[in-house]
Every structure is written in C-alpha cells, then in structure tokens.
C-alpha cells in the first residue's frame, strides 16, 4: 500500500486548524507548495517536507508514525441524528450505536397534547433535560411541574415519571440519560 503524503499532510493541517495559507506562512514556503503536496502533484523532498512540518510544528517521525485509526464521529448534522421513535413524540438520538456508551442524548419533539402515557416510566438511570420551546409537564413521583423555554429537569429515573405537552404548540426538549435507556 502506497503512503499518501498529500492526504496525511491535509488531515494533520486540518487537525491543527490551519489553512493552507497559514501553514505556508508559518513554514516560510509558498501557498502553492503546500497545495501541490496535498494534491500529490509533487513529491516533496525530505527537506521540503520537514520545512512544511516545522510550520505545524511536527517532526518527520511523528508525521509518518501518526496513528490514523478511524476517529469516532464527533459532530452530527441535524439530518444525521438517529430517529428512534416517530409519531406524536419524536425522539432523535445523537449517534447510532450507543454500545459501550455511558450517555444518551436525545432531541425530543412533542406534538400538542402528546404524552408518554398514563403508565409512569421507570428505568435504572438518571436523566435530565432542557425545554427549548413550548410547555412540558414533567411528573416525577408525586411532584409535577410545567416547564417552559430554558427550564430544566434532572432526576433519578428509578422514580416513576412521565412527560406531557400541555401547550398549544410543539414542545422541543434536549435530554440526556445515563446509562442509555432505549
């Protein structure tokens, strides 16, 4: 397998938050030189590559030895959330596979009147959330509160609980549960 110097340089430059122009300036080379290396349109000498890497700064040894194990996804666009329930209540989860994870983050949307049901929920976890918009009635044990935008909840999920949108419009919540419950 051939080593892709250009792709490696681009990934390292981007990992350090540098533009081609900024790396070139720091290294004292032309922007075109960095661009040509990254496009694999030129094969840099060891000395030229070292000069470019000095702008990061990084040694040649580190450049070639860098572990490029695929990284976990860190950022998720709205369309990349995993919809795990759709209907009057929509749950969209950040990340697809939570195996081995300690935390579940959900983007929840409750239609007007939507309710998690008369049967109270219980599970071995802790959960919390912040109401982004609308009104959400949260019942935990014998406590009940209507929360609005910016209000939050946090409780032991072993206590019986339920959620209900008591407003006229959609209610939006960002919630977390540890460990993941579904």
Protein backbone atom coordinates (compact mmCIF):
# COMPACT_ATOMS: atom_id res chain seq x y z
CA UNK A 1 0.00 0.00 0.00
CA UNK A 2 1.41 3.37 -1.04
CA UNK A 3 1.72 6.09 1.62
CA UNK A 4 -0.38 9.16 0.71
CA UNK A 5 1.77 12.10 1.83
CA UNK A 6 -0.67 14.69 0.49
CA UNK A 7 -3.73 13.31 2.26
CA UNK A 8 -1.77 12.89 5.50
CA UNK A 9 -0.49 16.48 5.35
CA UNK A 10 -4.01 17.80 4.69
CA UNK A 11 -5.52 15.84 7.63
CA UNK A 12 -2.77 16.97 10.01
CA UNK A 13 -3.05 20.58 8.85
CA UNK A 14 -6.84 20.49 9.37
CA UNK A 15 -6.44 18.77 12.77
CA UNK A 16 -4.35 21.77 13.82
CA UNK A 17 -6.93 24.22 12.46
CA UNK A 18 -4.60 25.69 9.87
CA UNK A 19 -5.45 26.87 6.38
CA UNK A 20 -3.01 26.10 3.58
CA UNK A 21 -2.10 29.78 3.53
CA UNK A 22 -1.40 29.90 7.28
CA UNK A 23 0.72 26.73 7.18
CA UNK A 24 2.69 28.12 4.24
CA UNK A 25 3.25 31.40 6.07
CA UNK A 26 4.44 29.64 9.23
CA UNK A 27 6.72 27.29 7.26
CA UNK A 28 8.15 30.04 5.05
CA UNK A 29 7.03 28.34 1.82
CA UNK A 30 4.56 29.33 -0.87
CA UNK A 31 0.87 28.51 -0.58
CA UNK A 32 1.24 26.75 -3.95
CA UNK A 33 3.91 24.43 -2.48
CA UNK A 34 1.55 23.26 0.28
CA UNK A 35 -1.30 22.91 -2.20
CA UNK A 36 0.76 20.86 -4.65
CA UNK A 37 1.92 18.49 -1.89
CA UNK A 38 -1.62 17.99 -0.61
CA UNK A 39 -2.87 17.26 -4.13
CA UNK A 40 0.01 14.80 -4.65
CA UNK A 41 1.01 16.80 -7.70
CA UNK A 42 4.56 17.00 -6.38
CA UNK A 43 6.57 14.61 -4.28
CA UNK A 44 8.41 16.71 -1.71
CA UNK A 45 11.99 16.01 -0.74
CA UNK A 46 12.60 15.08 2.88
CA UNK A 47 13.99 18.58 3.44
CA UNK A 48 10.95 20.28 1.86
CA UNK A 49 8.51 18.18 3.85
CA UNK A 50 10.43 18.87 7.06
CA UNK A 51 10.28 22.61 6.35
CA UNK A 52 6.48 22.42 5.87
CA UNK A 53 6.06 20.31 9.02
CA UNK A 54 8.10 22.84 11.02
CA UNK A 55 5.17 25.22 10.45
CA UNK A 56 2.85 22.95 12.47
CA UNK A 57 5.33 22.08 14.32
CA UNK A 58 5.75 18.32 13.86
CA UNK A 59 8.73 16.04 13.35
CA UNK A 60 9.10 13.79 10.30
CA UNK A 61 9.00 10.79 12.63
CA UNK A 62 5.66 11.90 14.10
CA UNK A 63 4.30 12.63 10.62
CA UNK A 64 4.98 9.10 9.39
CA UNK A 65 4.19 7.33 12.68
CA UNK A 66 0.90 9.11 13.40
CA UNK A 67 -1.80 6.57 14.21
CA UNK A 68 -4.61 7.09 11.76
CA UNK A 69 -7.13 4.79 13.32
CA UNK A 70 -10.56 5.94 12.17
CA UNK A 71 -11.84 8.52 14.57
CA UNK A 72 -15.25 8.50 16.18
CA UNK A 73 -17.80 10.87 14.79
CA UNK A 74 -17.82 13.96 16.98
CA UNK A 75 -20.16 16.32 15.12
CA UNK A 76 -23.64 15.46 13.89
CA UNK A 77 -25.73 17.48 11.43
CA UNK A 78 -29.48 17.57 12.06
CA UNK A 79 -30.06 15.00 9.31
CA UNK A 80 -27.54 12.60 10.87
CA UNK A 81 -29.45 12.09 14.12
CA UNK A 82 -30.94 8.61 14.52
CA UNK A 83 -34.71 8.80 14.75
CA UNK A 84 -35.61 6.10 17.26
CA UNK A 85 -39.30 6.94 17.61
CA UNK A 86 -41.60 8.88 15.30
CA UNK A 87 -45.19 9.91 15.99
CA UNK A 88 -46.80 12.28 18.48
CA UNK A 89 -43.44 12.14 20.27
CA UNK A 90 -40.32 12.11 18.12
CA UNK A 91 -37.01 11.04 19.64
CA UNK A 92 -33.85 11.69 17.62
CA UNK A 93 -30.68 10.31 19.18
CA UNK A 94 -27.18 11.68 18.76
CA UNK A 95 -25.09 8.77 17.49
CA UNK A 96 -26.27 5.46 16.13
CA UNK A 97 -24.59 2.81 18.25
CA UNK A 98 -24.53 3.50 21.97
CA UNK A 99 -22.99 0.15 22.88
CA UNK A 100 -20.31 0.83 25.47
CA UNK A 101 -21.52 4.41 25.92
CA UNK A 102 -22.49 5.88 29.27
CA UNK A 103 -24.67 8.71 27.97
CA UNK A 104 -27.65 9.02 25.63
CA UNK A 105 -28.55 12.44 24.23
CA UNK A 106 -31.96 12.97 22.63
CA UNK A 107 -33.62 15.76 20.67
CA UNK A 108 -37.29 15.36 21.55
CA UNK A 109 -40.36 16.89 19.91
CA UNK A 110 -43.82 16.58 21.47
CA UNK A 111 -46.93 17.38 19.40
CA UNK A 112 -49.64 19.36 21.23
CA UNK A 113 -51.23 17.01 23.77
CA UNK A 114 -48.56 14.30 23.30
CA UNK A 115 -47.99 12.24 26.41
CA UNK A 116 -45.63 9.40 27.34
CA UNK A 117 -48.73 7.60 28.70
CA UNK A 118 -50.72 7.12 31.88
CA UNK A 119 -48.35 4.35 32.97
CA UNK A 120 -45.42 6.01 34.63
CA UNK A 121 -41.94 5.23 33.24
CA UNK A 122 -39.15 3.73 35.37
CA UNK A 123 -35.66 2.60 34.47
CA UNK A 124 -32.25 2.35 36.09
CA UNK A 125 -30.71 5.66 35.07
CA UNK A 126 -30.51 9.36 35.71
CA UNK A 127 -31.97 11.80 33.25
CA UNK A 128 -32.19 15.49 32.69
CA UNK A 129 -33.25 17.91 30.03
CA UNK A 130 -33.83 21.49 29.00
CA UNK A 131 -37.03 22.72 27.36
CA UNK A 132 -36.08 24.59 24.19
CA UNK A 133 -39.59 25.68 23.20
CA UNK A 134 -43.19 25.06 24.23
CA UNK A 135 -44.54 23.80 27.54
CA UNK A 136 -43.79 20.39 29.05
CA UNK A 137 -45.46 19.00 32.12
CA UNK A 138 -43.00 16.75 33.94
CA UNK A 139 -44.20 14.42 36.69
CA UNK A 140 -41.64 12.70 38.92
CA UNK A 141 -43.10 10.65 41.77
CA UNK A 142 -45.64 12.94 43.48
CA UNK A 143 -44.07 16.12 42.07
CA UNK A 144 -45.46 17.83 38.96
CA UNK A 145 -44.26 20.99 37.22
CA UNK A 146 -44.96 22.72 33.91
CA UNK A 147 -41.67 23.83 32.35
CA UNK A 148 -41.15 26.41 29.64
CA UNK A 149 -38.24 27.51 27.45
CA UNK A 150 -34.98 27.47 29.38
CA UNK A 151 -36.44 25.49 32.29
CA UNK A 152 -34.86 22.15 33.10
CA UNK A 153 -35.29 18.90 34.99
CA UNK A 154 -32.89 16.35 36.45
CA UNK A 155 -33.89 13.26 38.44
CA UNK A 156 -33.27 9.61 39.30
CA UNK A 157 -35.17 7.64 36.63
CA UNK A 158 -35.94 4.87 39.09
CA UNK A 159 -38.68 7.20 40.33
CA UNK A 160 -41.93 6.87 38.35
CA UNK A 161 -42.14 9.68 35.79
CA UNK A 162 -43.96 10.90 32.70
CA UNK A 163 -43.90 13.81 30.23
CA UNK A 164 -46.80 15.64 28.58
CA UNK A 165 -47.02 18.63 26.24
CA UNK A 166 -49.65 20.90 27.82
CA UNK A 167 -49.17 23.78 25.37
CA UNK A 168 -50.92 24.68 22.13
CA UNK A 169 -47.78 24.28 20.01
CA UNK A 170 -44.99 21.77 19.59
CA UNK A 171 -42.66 21.32 22.57
CA UNK A 172 -38.96 20.78 21.95
CA UNK A 173 -36.58 19.32 24.53
CA UNK A 174 -32.94 18.28 24.59
CA UNK A 175 -32.48 15.49 27.12
CA UNK A 176 -29.79 13.17 28.43
CA UNK A 177 -29.97 9.78 30.10
CA UNK A 178 -27.17 7.84 31.72
CA UNK A 179 -26.83 5.00 31.09
CA UNK A 180 -28.77 4.92 27.79
CA UNK A 181 -32.28 3.60 28.41
CA UNK A 182 -33.54 2.77 24.88
